[in-house]
PDB file of N, CA and C in Angstrom:
ATOM      1  N   UNK A   1       0.827  -1.170   0.000  1.00  0.00           N
ATOM      2  CA  UNK A   1       0.000   0.000   0.000  1.00  0.00           C
ATOM      3  C   UNK A   1       0.882   1.247   0.000  1.00  0.00           C
ATOM      4  N   UNK A   2       0.599   2.158  -0.930  1.00  0.00           N
ATOM      5  CA  UNK A   2       1.420   3.372  -1.054  1.00  0.00           C
ATOM      6  C   UNK A   2       0.906   4.462  -0.126  1.00  0.00           C
ATOM      7  N   UNK A   3       1.851   5.247   0.364  1.00  0.00           N
ATOM      8  CA  UNK A   3       1.471   6.411   1.160  1.00  0.00           C
ATOM      9  C   UNK A   3       0.916   7.474   0.219  1.00  0.00           C
ATOM     10  N   UNK A   4      -0.063   8.183   0.676  1.00  0.00           N
ATOM     11  CA  UNK A   4      -0.608   9.264  -0.128  1.00  0.00           C
ATOM     12  C   UNK A   4       0.333  10.464  -0.005  1.00  0.00           C
ATOM     13  N   UNK A   5       0.705  11.028  -1.173  1.00  0.00           N
ATOM     14  CA  UNK A   5       1.594  12.179  -1.151  1.00  0.00           C
ATOM     15  C   UNK A   5       0.837  13.414  -0.710  1.00  0.00           C
ATOM     16  N   UNK A   6       1.471  14.196   0.146  1.00  0.00           N
ATOM     17  CA  UNK A   6       0.876  15.450   0.583  1.00  0.00           C
ATOM     18  C   UNK A   6       1.581  16.582  -0.136  1.00  0.00           C
ATOM     19  N   UNK A   7       0.889  17.247  -1.059  1.00  0.00           N
ATOM     20  CA  UNK A   7       1.491  18.372  -1.759  1.00  0.00           C
ATOM     21  C   UNK A   7       2.640  17.931  -2.645  1.00  0.00           C
ATOM     22  N   UNK A   8       3.585  18.821  -2.780  1.00  0.00           N
ATOM     23  CA  UNK A   8       4.764  18.552  -3.598  1.00  0.00           C
ATOM     24  C   UNK A   8       5.797  17.754  -2.827  1.00  0.00           C
ATOM     25  N   UNK A   9       6.555  16.980  -3.547  1.00  0.00           N
ATOM     26  CA  UNK A   9       7.694  16.306  -2.944  1.00  0.00           C
ATOM     27  C   UNK A   9       8.784  17.347  -2.708  1.00  0.00           C
ATOM     28  N   UNK A  10       9.674  17.071  -1.796  1.00  0.00           N
ATOM     29  CA  UNK A  10      10.729  18.039  -1.474  1.00  0.00           C
ATOM     30  C   UNK A  10      11.557  18.375  -2.707  1.00  0.00           C
ATOM     31  N   UNK A  11      11.851  17.385  -3.513  1.00  0.00           N
ATOM     32  CA  UNK A  11      12.656  17.603  -4.706  1.00  0.00           C
ATOM     33  C   UNK A  11      11.971  18.599  -5.648  1.00  0.00           C
ATOM     34  N   UNK A  12      10.659  18.501  -5.772  1.00  0.00           N
ATOM     35  CA  UNK A  12       9.918  19.440  -6.622  1.00  0.00           C
ATOM     36  C   UNK A  12       9.971  20.856  -6.057  1.00  0.00           C
ATOM     37  N   UNK A  13       9.863  20.980  -4.748  1.00  0.00           N
ATOM     38  CA  UNK A  13       9.930  22.313  -4.125  1.00  0.00           C
ATOM     39  C   UNK A  13      11.307  22.927  -4.315  1.00  0.00           C
ATOM     40  N   UNK A  14      12.349  22.125  -4.160  1.00  0.00           N
ATOM     41  CA  UNK A  14      13.717  22.612  -4.349  1.00  0.00           C
ATOM     42  C   UNK A  14      13.920  23.041  -5.797  1.00  0.00           C
ATOM     43  N   UNK A  15      13.423  22.237  -6.718  1.00  0.00           N
ATOM     44  CA  UNK A  15      13.532  22.540  -8.145  1.00  0.00           C
ATOM     45  C   UNK A  15      12.857  23.877  -8.461  1.00  0.00           C
ATOM     46  N   UNK A  16      11.652  24.069  -7.944  1.00  0.00           N
ATOM     47  CA  UNK A  16      10.915  25.318  -8.168  1.00  0.00           C
ATOM     48  C   UNK A  16      11.671  26.508  -7.584  1.00  0.00           C
ATOM     49  N   UNK A  17      12.219  26.341  -6.389  1.00  0.00           N
ATOM     50  CA  UNK A  17      12.946  27.432  -5.741  1.00  0.00           C
ATOM     51  C   UNK A  17      14.207  27.786  -6.516  1.00  0.00           C
ATOM     52  N   UNK A  18      14.936  26.791  -6.985  1.00  0.00           N
ATOM     53  CA  UNK A  18      16.142  27.039  -7.775  1.00  0.00           C
ATOM     54  C   UNK A  18      15.768  27.776  -9.060  1.00  0.00           C
ATOM     55  N   UNK A  19      14.689  27.341  -9.709  1.00  0.00           N
ATOM     56  CA  UNK A  19      14.258  27.983 -10.947  1.00  0.00           C
ATOM     57  C   UNK A  19      13.909  29.448 -10.699  1.00  0.00           C
ATOM     58  N   UNK A  20      13.163  29.715  -9.633  1.00  0.00           N
ATOM     59  CA  UNK A  20      12.768  31.082  -9.302  1.00  0.00           C
ATOM     60  C   UNK A  20      13.978  31.964  -9.017  1.00  0.00           C
ATOM     61  N   UNK A  21      14.883  31.451  -8.190  1.00  0.00           N
ATOM     62  CA  UNK A  21      16.066  32.239  -7.806  1.00  0.00           C
ATOM     63  C   UNK A  21      16.995  32.480  -8.991  1.00  0.00           C
ATOM     64  N   UNK A  22      17.195  31.445  -9.819  1.00  0.00           N
ATOM     65  CA  UNK A  22      18.055  31.621 -10.997  1.00  0.00           C
ATOM     66  C   UNK A  22      17.457  32.626 -11.971  1.00  0.00           C
ATOM     67  N   UNK A  23      16.149  32.586 -12.158  1.00  0.00           N
ATOM     68  CA  UNK A  23      15.506  33.553 -13.052  1.00  0.00           C
ATOM     69  C   UNK A  23      15.753  34.976 -12.558  1.00  0.00           C
ATOM     70  N   UNK A  24      15.635  35.166 -11.267  1.00  0.00           N
ATOM     71  CA  UNK A  24      15.880  36.493 -10.681  1.00  0.00           C
ATOM     72  C   UNK A  24      17.348  36.884 -10.804  1.00  0.00           C
ATOM     73  N   UNK A  25      18.245  35.946 -10.525  1.00  0.00           N
ATOM     74  CA  UNK A  25      19.680  36.234 -10.619  1.00  0.00           C
ATOM     75  C   UNK A  25      20.101  36.570 -12.045  1.00  0.00           C
ATOM     76  N   UNK A  26      19.581  35.820 -13.004  1.00  0.00           N
ATOM     77  CA  UNK A  26      19.933  36.062 -14.405  1.00  0.00           C
ATOM     78  C   UNK A  26      19.409  37.430 -14.841  1.00  0.00           C
ATOM     79  N   UNK A  27      18.232  37.779 -14.345  1.00  0.00           N
ATOM     80  CA  UNK A  27      17.615  39.049 -14.737  1.00  0.00           C
ATOM     81  C   UNK A  27      18.324  40.245 -14.106  1.00  0.00           C
ATOM     82  N   UNK A  28      18.663  40.146 -12.819  1.00  0.00           N
ATOM     83  CA  UNK A  28      19.202  41.313 -12.126  1.00  0.00           C
ATOM     84  C   UNK A  28      20.686  41.233 -11.812  1.00  0.00           C
ATOM     85  N   UNK A  29      21.208  40.051 -11.583  1.00  0.00           N
ATOM     86  CA  UNK A  29      22.575  39.927 -11.100  1.00  0.00           C
ATOM     87  C   UNK A  29      23.621  39.651 -12.152  1.00  0.00           C
ATOM     88  N   UNK A  30      23.217  39.233 -13.322  1.00  0.00           N
ATOM     89  CA  UNK A  30      24.165  38.871 -14.370  1.00  0.00           C
ATOM     90  C   UNK A  30      24.540  40.123 -15.154  1.00  0.00           C
ATOM     91  N   UNK A  31      25.759  40.584 -14.956  1.00  0.00           N
ATOM     92  CA  UNK A  31      26.187  41.844 -15.573  1.00  0.00           C
ATOM     93  C   UNK A  31      26.950  41.643 -16.888  1.00  0.00           C
ATOM     94  N   UNK A  32      27.065  40.414 -17.324  1.00  0.00           N
ATOM     95  CA  UNK A  32      27.797  40.109 -18.552  1.00  0.00           C
ATOM     96  C   UNK A  32      27.021  40.642 -19.754  1.00  0.00           C
ATOM     97  N   UNK A  33      27.637  41.534 -20.554  1.00  0.00           N
ATOM     98  CA  UNK A  33      26.920  42.094 -21.709  1.00  0.00           C
ATOM     99  C   UNK A  33      26.635  41.062 -22.799  1.00  0.00           C
ATOM    100  N   UNK A  34      27.340  39.934 -22.771  1.00  0.00           N
ATOM    101  CA  UNK A  34      27.098  38.899 -23.781  1.00  0.00           C
ATOM    102  C   UNK A  34      25.776  38.182 -23.553  1.00  0.00           C
ATOM    103  N   UNK A  35      25.307  38.197 -22.317  1.00  0.00           N
ATOM    104  CA  UNK A  35      24.063  37.494 -21.986  1.00  0.00           C
ATOM    105  C   UNK A  35      22.883  38.288 -22.539  1.00  0.00           C
ATOM    106  N   UNK A  36      22.149  37.639 -23.426  1.00  0.00           N
ATOM    107  CA  UNK A  36      20.965  38.276 -23.982  1.00  0.00           C
ATOM    108  C   UNK A  36      19.795  38.168 -23.020  1.00  0.00           C
ATOM    109  N   UNK A  37      18.605  38.307 -23.534  1.00  0.00           N
ATOM    110  CA  UNK A  37      17.410  38.160 -22.728  1.00  0.00           C
ATOM    111  C   UNK A  37      17.164  36.672 -22.523  1.00  0.00           C
ATOM    112  N   UNK A  38      17.428  36.176 -21.308  1.00  0.00           N
ATOM    113  CA  UNK A  38      17.392  34.748 -21.001  1.00  0.00           C
ATOM    114  C   UNK A  38      16.123  34.419 -20.221  1.00  0.00           C
ATOM    115  N   UNK A  39      15.477  33.326 -20.617  1.00  0.00           N
ATOM    116  CA  UNK A  39      14.321  32.829 -19.885  1.00  0.00           C
ATOM    117  C   UNK A  39      14.642  31.427 -19.380  1.00  0.00           C
ATOM    118  N   UNK A  40      14.497  31.235 -18.077  1.00  0.00           N
ATOM    119  CA  UNK A  40      14.700  29.917 -17.482  1.00  0.00           C
ATOM    120  C   UNK A  40      13.373  29.162 -17.601  1.00  0.00           C
ATOM    121  N   UNK A  41      13.369  28.058 -18.358  1.00  0.00           N
ATOM    122  CA  UNK A  41      12.136  27.307 -18.594  1.00  0.00           C
ATOM    123  C   UNK A  41      11.912  26.172 -17.614  1.00  0.00           C
ATOM    124  N   UNK A  42      12.968  25.489 -17.263  1.00  0.00           N
ATOM    125  CA  UNK A  42      12.816  24.296 -16.420  1.00  0.00           C
ATOM    126  C   UNK A  42      14.142  24.010 -15.735  1.00  0.00           C
ATOM    127  N   UNK A  43      14.060  23.376 -14.580  1.00  0.00           N
ATOM    128  CA  UNK A  43      15.244  22.923 -13.854  1.00  0.00           C
ATOM    129  C   UNK A  43      14.983  21.488 -13.441  1.00  0.00           C
ATOM    130  N   UNK A  44      15.947  20.614 -13.688  1.00  0.00           N
ATOM    131  CA  UNK A  44      15.870  19.223 -13.232  1.00  0.00           C
ATOM    132  C   UNK A  44      17.002  18.994 -12.239  1.00  0.00           C
ATOM    133  N   UNK A  45      16.646  18.466 -11.084  1.00  0.00           N
ATOM    134  CA  UNK A  45      17.615  18.265 -10.013  1.00  0.00           C
ATOM    135  C   UNK A  45      17.748  16.778  -9.743  1.00  0.00           C
ATOM    136  N   UNK A  46      18.979  16.309  -9.544  1.00  0.00           N
ATOM    137  CA  UNK A  46      19.181  14.902  -9.199  1.00  0.00           C
ATOM    138  C   UNK A  46      18.673  14.652  -7.780  1.00  0.00           C
ATOM    139  N   UNK A  47      18.444  13.396  -7.463  1.00  0.00           N
ATOM    140  CA  UNK A  47      17.870  13.050  -6.145  1.00  0.00           C
ATOM    141  C   UNK A  47      18.755  13.490  -4.976  1.00  0.00           C
ATOM    142  N   UNK A  48      20.071  13.500  -5.192  1.00  0.00           N
ATOM    143  CA  UNK A  48      20.974  13.893  -4.112  1.00  0.00           C
ATOM    144  C   UNK A  48      21.343  15.382  -4.155  1.00  0.00           C
ATOM    145  N   UNK A  49      20.709  16.122  -5.043  1.00  0.00           N
ATOM    146  CA  UNK A  49      20.902  17.581  -5.189  1.00  0.00           C
ATOM    147  C   UNK A  49      22.332  17.967  -5.563  1.00  0.00           C
ATOM    148  N   UNK A  50      23.067  17.054  -6.171  1.00  0.00           N
ATOM    149  CA  UNK A  50      24.446  17.379  -6.544  1.00  0.00           C
ATOM    150  C   UNK A  50      24.534  18.043  -7.914  1.00  0.00           C
ATOM    151  N   UNK A  51      23.542  17.839  -8.767  1.00  0.00           N
ATOM    152  CA  UNK A  51      23.541  18.429 -10.108  1.00  0.00           C
ATOM    153  C   UNK A  51      22.159  18.965 -10.447  1.00  0.00           C
ATOM    154  N   UNK A  52      22.168  20.072 -11.193  1.00  0.00           N
ATOM    155  CA  UNK A  52      20.911  20.646 -11.683  1.00  0.00           C
ATOM    156  C   UNK A  52      21.103  21.020 -13.138  1.00  0.00           C
ATOM    157  N   UNK A  53      20.222  20.522 -13.994  1.00  0.00           N
ATOM    158  CA  UNK A  53      20.237  20.896 -15.407  1.00  0.00           C
ATOM    159  C   UNK A  53      19.228  22.028 -15.564  1.00  0.00           C
ATOM    160  N   UNK A  54      19.728  23.164 -16.065  1.00  0.00           N
ATOM    161  CA  UNK A  54      18.899  24.350 -16.220  1.00  0.00           C
ATOM    162  C   UNK A  54      18.623  24.531 -17.713  1.00  0.00           C
ATOM    163  N   UNK A  55      17.343  24.440 -18.093  1.00  0.00           N
ATOM    164  CA  UNK A  55      16.938  24.615 -19.483  1.00  0.00           C
ATOM    165  C   UNK A  55      16.516  26.063 -19.677  1.00  0.00           C
ATOM    166  N   UNK A  56      17.082  26.698 -20.696  1.00  0.00           N
ATOM    167  CA  UNK A  56      16.815  28.112 -20.933  1.00  0.00           C
ATOM    168  C   UNK A  56      16.570  28.372 -22.411  1.00  0.00           C
ATOM    169  N   UNK A  57      15.974  29.515 -22.700  1.00  0.00           N
ATOM    170  CA  UNK A  57      15.822  30.003 -24.070  1.00  0.00           C
ATOM    171  C   UNK A  57      16.256  31.453 -24.093  1.00  0.00           C
ATOM    172  N   UNK A  58      16.535  31.950 -25.301  1.00  0.00           N
ATOM    173  CA  UNK A  58      16.885  33.355 -25.480  1.00  0.00           C
ATOM    174  C   UNK A  58      15.901  33.985 -26.454  1.00  0.00           C
ATOM    175  N   UNK A  59      15.753  35.280 -26.329  1.00  0.00           N
ATOM    176  CA  UNK A  59      14.804  35.991 -27.169  1.00  0.00           C
ATOM    177  C   UNK A  59      15.271  36.011 -28.623  1.00  0.00           C
ATOM    178  N   UNK A  60      16.545  36.286 -28.810  1.00  0.00           N
ATOM    179  CA  UNK A  60      17.107  36.385 -30.152  1.00  0.00           C
ATOM    180  C   UNK A  60      18.008  35.183 -30.409  1.00  0.00           C
ATOM    181  N   UNK A  61      17.670  34.371 -31.410  1.00  0.00           N
ATOM    182  CA  UNK A  61      18.432  33.152 -31.698  1.00  0.00           C
ATOM    183  C   UNK A  61      19.876  33.454 -32.100  1.00  0.00           C
ATOM    184  N   UNK A  62      20.140  34.660 -32.579  1.00  0.00           N
ATOM    185  CA  UNK A  62      21.510  35.033 -32.996  1.00  0.00           C
ATOM    186  C   UNK A  62      22.452  35.121 -31.797  1.00  0.00           C
ATOM    187  N   UNK A  63      21.904  35.402 -30.618  1.00  0.00           N
ATOM    188  CA  UNK A  63      22.739  35.538 -29.423  1.00  0.00           C
ATOM    189  C   UNK A  63      22.877  34.235 -28.643  1.00  0.00           C
ATOM    190  N   UNK A  64      22.381  33.162 -29.203  1.00  0.00           N
ATOM    191  CA  UNK A  64      22.356  31.875 -28.497  1.00  0.00           C
ATOM    192  C   UNK A  64      23.756  31.403 -28.077  1.00  0.00           C
ATOM    193  N   UNK A  65      24.720  31.481 -28.976  1.00  0.00           N
ATOM    194  CA  UNK A  65      26.070  30.975 -28.684  1.00  0.00           C
ATOM    195  C   UNK A  65      26.769  31.841 -27.637  1.00  0.00           C
ATOM    196  N   UNK A  66      26.687  33.166 -27.789  1.00  0.00           N
ATOM    197  CA  UNK A  66      27.359  34.038 -26.817  1.00  0.00           C
ATOM    198  C   UNK A  66      26.667  33.988 -25.458  1.00  0.00           C
ATOM    199  N   UNK A  67      25.360  33.771 -25.455  1.00  0.00           N
ATOM    200  CA  UNK A  67      24.640  33.633 -24.183  1.00  0.00           C
ATOM    201  C   UNK A  67      25.081  32.359 -23.477  1.00  0.00           C
ATOM    202  N   UNK A  68      25.261  31.296 -24.248  1.00  0.00           N
ATOM    203  CA  UNK A  68      25.740  30.036 -23.669  1.00  0.00           C
ATOM    204  C   UNK A  68      27.115  30.231 -23.033  1.00  0.00           C
ATOM    205  N   UNK A  69      27.989  30.958 -23.719  1.00  0.00           N
ATOM    206  CA  UNK A  69      29.320  31.241 -23.171  1.00  0.00           C
ATOM    207  C   UNK A  69      29.223  32.075 -21.901  1.00  0.00           C
ATOM    208  N   UNK A  70      28.323  33.060 -21.895  1.00  0.00           N
ATOM    209  CA  UNK A  70      28.156  33.914 -20.714  1.00  0.00           C
ATOM    210  C   UNK A  70      27.650  33.112 -19.524  1.00  0.00           C
ATOM    211  N   UNK A  71      26.708  32.211 -19.756  1.00  0.00           N
ATOM    212  CA  UNK A  71      26.182  31.381 -18.673  1.00  0.00           C
ATOM    213  C   UNK A  71      27.251  30.428 -18.132  1.00  0.00           C
ATOM    214  N   UNK A  72      28.021  29.836 -19.028  1.00  0.00           N
ATOM    215  CA  UNK A  72      29.102  28.944 -18.593  1.00  0.00           C
ATOM    216  C   UNK A  72      30.125  29.720 -17.758  1.00  0.00           C
ATOM    217  N   UNK A  73      30.419  30.949 -18.165  1.00  0.00           N
ATOM    218  CA  UNK A  73      31.368  31.790 -17.443  1.00  0.00           C
ATOM    219  C   UNK A  73      30.826  32.188 -16.067  1.00  0.00           C
ATOM    220  N   UNK A  74      29.514  32.378 -15.963  1.00  0.00           N
ATOM    221  CA  UNK A  74      28.891  32.850 -14.724  1.00  0.00           C
ATOM    222  C   UNK A  74      28.436  31.716 -13.806  1.00  0.00           C
ATOM    223  N   UNK A  75      28.706  30.472 -14.169  1.00  0.00           N
ATOM    224  CA  UNK A  75      28.263  29.309 -13.392  1.00  0.00           C
ATOM    225  C   UNK A  75      28.620  29.409 -11.913  1.00  0.00           C
ATOM    226  N   UNK A  76      29.874  29.713 -11.633  1.00  0.00           N
ATOM    227  CA  UNK A  76      30.353  29.796 -10.246  1.00  0.00           C
ATOM    228  C   UNK A  76      29.658  30.896  -9.468  1.00  0.00           C
ATOM    229  N   UNK A  77      29.518  32.064 -10.102  1.00  0.00           N
ATOM    230  CA  UNK A  77      28.835  33.188  -9.469  1.00  0.00           C
ATOM    231  C   UNK A  77      27.384  32.819  -9.151  1.00  0.00           C
ATOM    232  N   UNK A  78      26.688  32.254 -10.126  1.00  0.00           N
ATOM    233  CA  UNK A  78      25.284  31.891  -9.929  1.00  0.00           C
ATOM    234  C   UNK A  78      25.125  30.853  -8.819  1.00  0.00           C
ATOM    235  N   UNK A  79      26.032  29.900  -8.778  1.00  0.00           N
ATOM    236  CA  UNK A  79      25.960  28.858  -7.748  1.00  0.00           C
ATOM    237  C   UNK A  79      26.212  29.449  -6.358  1.00  0.00           C
ATOM    238  N   UNK A  80      27.180  30.360  -6.257  1.00  0.00           N
ATOM    239  CA  UNK A  80      27.459  30.965  -4.946  1.00  0.00           C
ATOM    240  C   UNK A  80      26.310  31.866  -4.497  1.00  0.00           C
ATOM    241  N   UNK A  81      25.670  32.548  -5.433  1.00  0.00           N
ATOM    242  CA  UNK A  81      24.510  33.373  -5.083  1.00  0.00           C
ATOM    243  C   UNK A  81      23.332  32.500  -4.666  1.00  0.00           C
ATOM    244  N   UNK A  82      23.175  31.354  -5.320  1.00  0.00           N
ATOM    245  CA  UNK A  82      22.130  30.406  -4.910  1.00  0.00           C
ATOM    246  C   UNK A  82      22.360  29.939  -3.476  1.00  0.00           C
ATOM    247  N   UNK A  83      23.623  29.713  -3.139  1.00  0.00           N
ATOM    248  CA  UNK A  83      23.958  29.249  -1.788  1.00  0.00           C
ATOM    249  C   UNK A  83      23.557  30.278  -0.742  1.00  0.00           C
ATOM    250  N   UNK A  84      23.611  31.556  -1.090  1.00  0.00           N
ATOM    251  CA  UNK A  84      23.209  32.607  -0.154  1.00  0.00           C
ATOM    252  C   UNK A  84      21.693  32.683  -0.006  1.00  0.00           C
ATOM    253  N   UNK A  85      20.964  32.261  -1.034  1.00  0.00           N
ATOM    254  CA  UNK A  85      19.511  32.429  -1.045  1.00  0.00           C
ATOM    255  C   UNK A  85      18.740  31.174  -0.644  1.00  0.00           C
ATOM    256  N   UNK A  86      19.339  29.998  -0.821  1.00  0.00           N
ATOM    257  CA  UNK A  86      18.645  28.736  -0.558  1.00  0.00           C
ATOM    258  C   UNK A  86      19.414  27.949   0.490  1.00  0.00           C
ATOM    259  N   UNK A  87      18.690  27.422   1.445  1.00  0.00           N
ATOM    260  CA  UNK A  87      19.320  26.595   2.479  1.00  0.00           C
ATOM    261  C   UNK A  87      19.225  25.131   2.071  1.00  0.00           C
ATOM    262  N   UNK A  88      20.343  24.621   1.583  1.00  0.00           N
ATOM    263  CA  UNK A  88      20.456  23.205   1.235  1.00  0.00           C
ATOM    264  C   UNK A  88      21.774  22.691   1.771  1.00  0.00           C
ATOM    265  N   UNK A  89      21.813  21.408   2.033  1.00  0.00           N
ATOM    266  CA  UNK A  89      23.063  20.801   2.480  1.00  0.00           C
ATOM    267  C   UNK A  89      24.122  20.932   1.383  1.00  0.00           C
ATOM    268  N   UNK A  90      23.704  20.722   0.151  1.00  0.00           N
ATOM    269  CA  UNK A  90      24.615  20.807  -0.993  1.00  0.00           C
ATOM    270  C   UNK A  90      23.930  21.616  -2.094  1.00  0.00           C
ATOM    271  N   UNK A  91      24.600  22.675  -2.539  1.00  0.00           N
ATOM    272  CA  UNK A  91      24.081  23.462  -3.660  1.00  0.00           C
ATOM    273  C   UNK A  91      24.504  22.727  -4.936  1.00  0.00           C
ATOM    274  N   UNK A  92      23.570  22.456  -5.824  1.00  0.00           N
ATOM    275  CA  UNK A  92      23.892  21.642  -6.998  1.00  0.00           C
ATOM    276  C   UNK A  92      24.838  22.334  -7.983  1.00  0.00           C
ATOM    277  N   UNK A  93      25.620  21.512  -8.634  1.00  0.00           N
ATOM    278  CA  UNK A  93      26.453  21.959  -9.753  1.00  0.00           C
ATOM    279  C   UNK A  93      25.500  22.297 -10.897  1.00  0.00           C
ATOM    280  N   UNK A  94      25.662  23.460 -11.507  1.00  0.00           N
ATOM    281  CA  UNK A  94      24.738  23.903 -12.552  1.00  0.00           C
ATOM    282  C   UNK A  94      25.227  23.493 -13.936  1.00  0.00           C
ATOM    283  N   UNK A  95      24.317  22.962 -14.735  1.00  0.00           N
ATOM    284  CA  UNK A  95      24.588  22.600 -16.118  1.00  0.00           C
ATOM    285  C   UNK A  95      23.519  23.275 -16.968  1.00  0.00           C
ATOM    286  N   UNK A  96      23.940  24.142 -17.881  1.00  0.00           N
ATOM    287  CA  UNK A  96      22.985  24.885 -18.701  1.00  0.00           C
ATOM    288  C   UNK A  96      22.816  24.209 -20.054  1.00  0.00           C
ATOM    289  N   UNK A  97      21.558  24.024 -20.448  1.00  0.00           N
ATOM    290  CA  UNK A  97      21.240  23.452 -21.761  1.00  0.00           C
ATOM    291  C   UNK A  97      20.168  24.294 -22.419  1.00  0.00           C
ATOM    292  N   UNK A  98      20.376  24.572 -23.700  1.00  0.00           N
ATOM    293  CA  UNK A  98      19.394  25.345 -24.446  1.00  0.00           C
ATOM    294  C   UNK A  98      18.153  24.489 -24.661  1.00  0.00           C
ATOM    295  N   UNK A  99      16.990  25.042 -24.389  1.00  0.00           N
ATOM    296  CA  UNK A  99      15.722  24.321 -24.500  1.00  0.00           C
ATOM    297  C   UNK A  99      15.156  24.498 -25.906  1.00  0.00           C
ATOM    298  N   UNK A 100      15.187  23.434 -26.675  1.00  0.00           N
ATOM    299  CA  UNK A 100      14.703  23.489 -28.058  1.00  0.00           C
ATOM    300  C   UNK A 100      13.244  23.055 -28.186  1.00  0.00           C
ATOM    301  N   UNK A 101      12.611  22.727 -27.076  1.00  0.00           N
ATOM    302  CA  UNK A 101      11.238  22.218 -27.148  1.00  0.00           C
ATOM    303  C   UNK A 101      10.264  23.262 -27.685  1.00  0.00           C
ATOM    304  N   UNK A 102      10.477  24.529 -27.355  1.00  0.00           N
ATOM    305  CA  UNK A 102       9.583  25.570 -27.864  1.00  0.00           C
ATOM    306  C   UNK A 102       9.700  25.704 -29.380  1.00  0.00           C
ATOM    307  N   UNK A 103      10.931  25.661 -29.871  1.00  0.00           N
ATOM    308  CA  UNK A 103      11.144  25.753 -31.317  1.00  0.00           C
ATOM    309  C   UNK A 103      10.525  24.557 -32.041  1.00  0.00           C
ATOM    310  N   UNK A 104      10.699  23.362 -31.464  1.00  0.00           N
ATOM    311  CA  UNK A 104      10.099  22.163 -32.060  1.00  0.00           C
ATOM    312  C   UNK A 104       8.583  22.268 -32.075  1.00  0.00           C
ATOM    313  N   UNK A 105       8.025  22.741 -30.990  1.00  0.00           N
ATOM    314  CA  UNK A 105       6.582  22.905 -30.904  1.00  0.00           C
ATOM    315  C   UNK A 105       6.056  23.895 -31.930  1.00  0.00           C
ATOM    316  N   UNK A 106       6.781  24.992 -32.117  1.00  0.00           N
ATOM    317  CA  UNK A 106       6.359  25.992 -33.097  1.00  0.00           C
ATOM    318  C   UNK A 106       6.455  25.440 -34.515  1.00  0.00           C
ATOM    319  N   UNK A 107       7.501  24.669 -34.807  1.00  0.00           N
ATOM    320  CA  UNK A 107       7.646  24.123 -36.159  1.00  0.00           C
ATOM    321  C   UNK A 107       6.569  23.066 -36.429  1.00  0.00           C
ATOM    322  N   UNK A 108       6.232  22.260 -35.424  1.00  0.00           N
ATOM    323  CA  UNK A 108       5.162  21.275 -35.591  1.00  0.00           C
ATOM    324  C   UNK A 108       3.830  21.984 -35.802  1.00  0.00           C
ATOM    325  N   UNK A 109       3.600  23.036 -35.046  1.00  0.00           N
ATOM    326  CA  UNK A 109       2.368  23.814 -35.208  1.00  0.00           C
ATOM    327  C   UNK A 109       2.285  24.419 -36.604  1.00  0.00           C
ATOM    328  N   UNK A 110       3.422  24.908 -37.101  1.00  0.00           N
ATOM    329  CA  UNK A 110       3.470  25.485 -38.451  1.00  0.00           C
ATOM    330  C   UNK A 110       3.161  24.409 -39.504  1.00  0.00           C
ATOM    331  N   UNK A 111       3.723  23.217 -39.328  1.00  0.00           N
ATOM    332  CA  UNK A 111       3.456  22.117 -40.258  1.00  0.00           C
ATOM    333  C   UNK A 111       1.982  21.722 -40.246  1.00  0.00           C
ATOM    334  N   UNK A 112       1.383  21.681 -39.070  1.00  0.00           N
ATOM    335  CA  UNK A 112      -0.043  21.356 -38.968  1.00  0.00           C
ATOM    336  C   UNK A 112      -0.876  22.417 -39.680  1.00  0.00           C
ATOM    337  N   UNK A 113      -0.515  23.681 -39.499  1.00  0.00           N
ATOM    338  CA  UNK A 113      -1.229  24.768 -40.185  1.00  0.00           C
ATOM    339  C   UNK A 113      -1.122  24.627 -41.698  1.00  0.00           C
ATOM    340  N   UNK A 114       0.070  24.262 -42.190  1.00  0.00           N
ATOM    341  CA  UNK A 114       0.265  24.070 -43.631  1.00  0.00           C
ATOM    342  C   UNK A 114      -0.628  22.953 -44.158  1.00  0.00           C
ATOM    343  N   UNK A 115      -0.649  21.834 -43.454  1.00  0.00           N
ATOM    344  CA  UNK A 115      -1.459  20.695 -43.882  1.00  0.00           C
ATOM    345  C   UNK A 115      -2.937  21.075 -43.873  1.00  0.00           C
ATOM    346  N   UNK A 116      -3.366  21.793 -42.862  1.00  0.00           N
ATOM    347  CA  UNK A 116      -4.761  22.218 -42.775  1.00  0.00           C
ATOM    348  C   UNK A 116      -5.132  23.139 -43.930  1.00  0.00           C
ATOM    349  N   UNK A 117      -4.230  24.057 -44.267  1.00  0.00           N
ATOM    350  CA  UNK A 117      -4.488  24.969 -45.386  1.00  0.00           C
ATOM    351  C   UNK A 117      -4.545  24.202 -46.699  1.00  0.00           C
ATOM    352  N   UNK A 118      -3.619  23.273 -46.911  1.00  0.00           N
ATOM    353  CA  UNK A 118      -3.595  22.487 -48.134  1.00  0.00           C
ATOM    354  C   UNK A 118      -4.860  21.630 -48.268  1.00  0.00           C
ATOM    355  N   UNK A 119      -5.307  21.089 -47.132  1.00  0.00           N
ATOM    356  CA  UNK A 119      -6.510  20.274 -47.124  1.00  0.00           C
ATOM    357  C   UNK A 119      -7.741  21.099 -47.484  1.00  0.00           C
ATOM    358  N   UNK A 120      -7.817  22.317 -46.960  1.00  0.00           N
ATOM    359  CA  UNK A 120      -8.978  23.160 -47.249  1.00  0.00           C
ATOM    360  C   UNK A 120      -8.967  23.623 -48.698  1.00  0.00           C
ATOM    361  N   UNK A 121      -7.785  23.848 -49.295  1.00  0.00           N
ATOM    362  CA  UNK A 121      -7.685  24.234 -50.702  1.00  0.00           C
ATOM    363  C   UNK A 121      -8.106  23.067 -51.592  1.00  0.00           C
ATOM    364  N   UNK A 122      -7.692  21.834 -51.237  1.00  0.00           N
ATOM    365  CA  UNK A 122      -8.048  20.657 -52.009  1.00  0.00           C
ATOM    366  C   UNK A 122      -9.539  20.368 -51.946  1.00  0.00           C
ATOM    367  N   UNK A 123     -10.195  20.657 -50.843  1.00  0.00           N
ATOM    368  CA  UNK A 123     -11.618  20.390 -50.704  1.00  0.00           C
ATOM    369  C   UNK A 123     -12.461  21.368 -51.500  1.00  0.00           C
ATOM    370  N   UNK A 124     -11.928  22.576 -51.733  1.00  0.00           N
ATOM    371  CA  UNK A 124     -12.685  23.592 -52.477  1.00  0.00           C
ATOM    372  C   UNK A 124     -12.694  23.284 -53.913  1.00  0.00           C
TER     373      UNK A 124
END
């Protein structure tokens, strides 16, 4: 018999808190001019909180490479600032990955729109 979960699991709460704090830090604390307009989409944390994969997107696709370099350069700063804001036994090592799911979703939506338009033209 399984125990009924009450609310969020601790790992989910930690993940949400890291995402919130990183979004704020990237917006206000990151002074690197190479960093474009960054949006933190998701954070995945390992069970032992030793690693966190941070999925992000940028407003302008042209700045994607330099933004990645800026985030890699600021990893230590962001992690130390997280340590000041979040009480955890171990602050996770940050790994930044560009989130391509939005782009994939938009391209699939565009393809569906094309097929729908072609279908309506053929029916007429």
